[in-house]
Amino acid sequence: MKKTLLWFCLLAWCTAVQAQQDPLIDPEEGRTLLERFTKGGKSISSSSMNLQFYTSAAANFIDGELDEAAFKINGVRLELLGDFGKNFSYHFRQSFNKYSNPRAVDNLSSSVECAYVDWRMKPHFTLTVGKQAIQLSGYEYWVNAIRVREFSDFNNYIDCYQAGVNGAIIFSPTQRLNVQVLNNSAAKGSDSFIYGLPEGVTKVKVPVLSTLNWDGYFFDKGLNLRYSASWGQLAGKRDLLYLTAGNVWEKGPIVAYADFMYSREGIDTKGLISELSAALPDGGVTAQHVNYFTTILNFDYRVHEHWNLYAKGAYELGGVYKKNGPYEKGLYRRTWNAQLCAEYFPMDNSELRIYLHLLYKAHGLTSRARALEADDYTSQRISLGLVYTIPVF
């Protein structure tokens, strides 16, 4: 074990990608490549292009034994954003690490994360049309993905970018209400579920997800409360409900948050319960009538302008609320993870960051899960990585 750790430390360079639609880097931050090459003589004020490169080396362990050590390109993303006219803006972002076949529902490659236009129809109302993030809550879900080294299972298994429309009612600079209707790719058919649609369940004809979200800031924008409720159909007589909440304190050197996320699913969209049946003699069965609950706690402290430290933990439950197939009613999985991370910023802005991240995760199963011939285990990871976000123009 000691030799493995020593070998890895000499190796050098974790993983994460998920759900936010904030720019990869603030257009106001740093000089762009265009300005550098032209010595500040040229600029494009109405548009921005950003390129993000994310690489790492990670050693993964299962129950303390080395499973894999490898270099990875965790993410390469390109985005364009800007405005046109007086009341319109746009945002396009593509990931080069995602499966790129067009989706059956929105007819767009899944590698395109954002492709939308904002129309400020009135001073207090903005309409967003196109592919965008579902307006769920929780800091981990919504924050720029480069700030997350390991997502919770809950967020990691949400297909968070969908095509549709969002209306934002802006009550004040610190209070807004979002009303959103998007495609629900989790309801597009058998391919949405790990072992296909359960027998006797019919495909839904209107696969949409509706969300109501409130976003508020208090105490000079130090406290951000973000709460959401989402509902949609997965299949005939099979619904999906999300209740999510994010509570964030971000002031000075401190970022602290507590996220609470709940889902009640007529069919298991995440597949975390369904995968427990993989070893059954007749093969795996897609679970129905499942629920998940996740709690995430995080504390960041910027100890120096070039150094940031954080500790994070997540506790997650998954169960079945109504007997179906081989699944008895009750709790099936109880997982938790603990994380420590140190980040170094060599430059005066946040374009470049180098990090060392430690992860311990326990995948605990109950007697109901073990009755399906599933086994619990622990996983560990040590990773050293680099993220560079380049403002091209």
Foldseek 3Di string as FASTA:
>chain_A
DVVVVVVQVVVWFFAWDAAAQDDPDPPVDDDAQVCVVVVNPDDDQFKWKKWKWKKWWKFKDWQRHTDDTDIDGRWIKIKMKGADDDFKIWIWMFIPPDQFDAAPPPRGGLRTQGTWMWGCPDPFKIKIFFKHFDQADACCRHPHTVVDRDDDLVRVLASGIFGWMKMWGHPDPFKIKIKTKTAASCQPFQVQFPRGDAPPWAGDDGRIKIKIKIWGADDVRQWIKIWMWMKGANTVVKIKIKTKIKIWGDDDFKIKIKIKIKMWTQWPRSCPLQVLLQPPPVGTGTDGGKMKIKIKIKMKGAPDLFKIKMKIKMWMWMFHCPDDDLHDGDTFWIKMKIKIKMKGHPDNDNQKIKMWMKMKMWTDTDPSSVVSVGDTIIMIMIMIMMMGMHTND
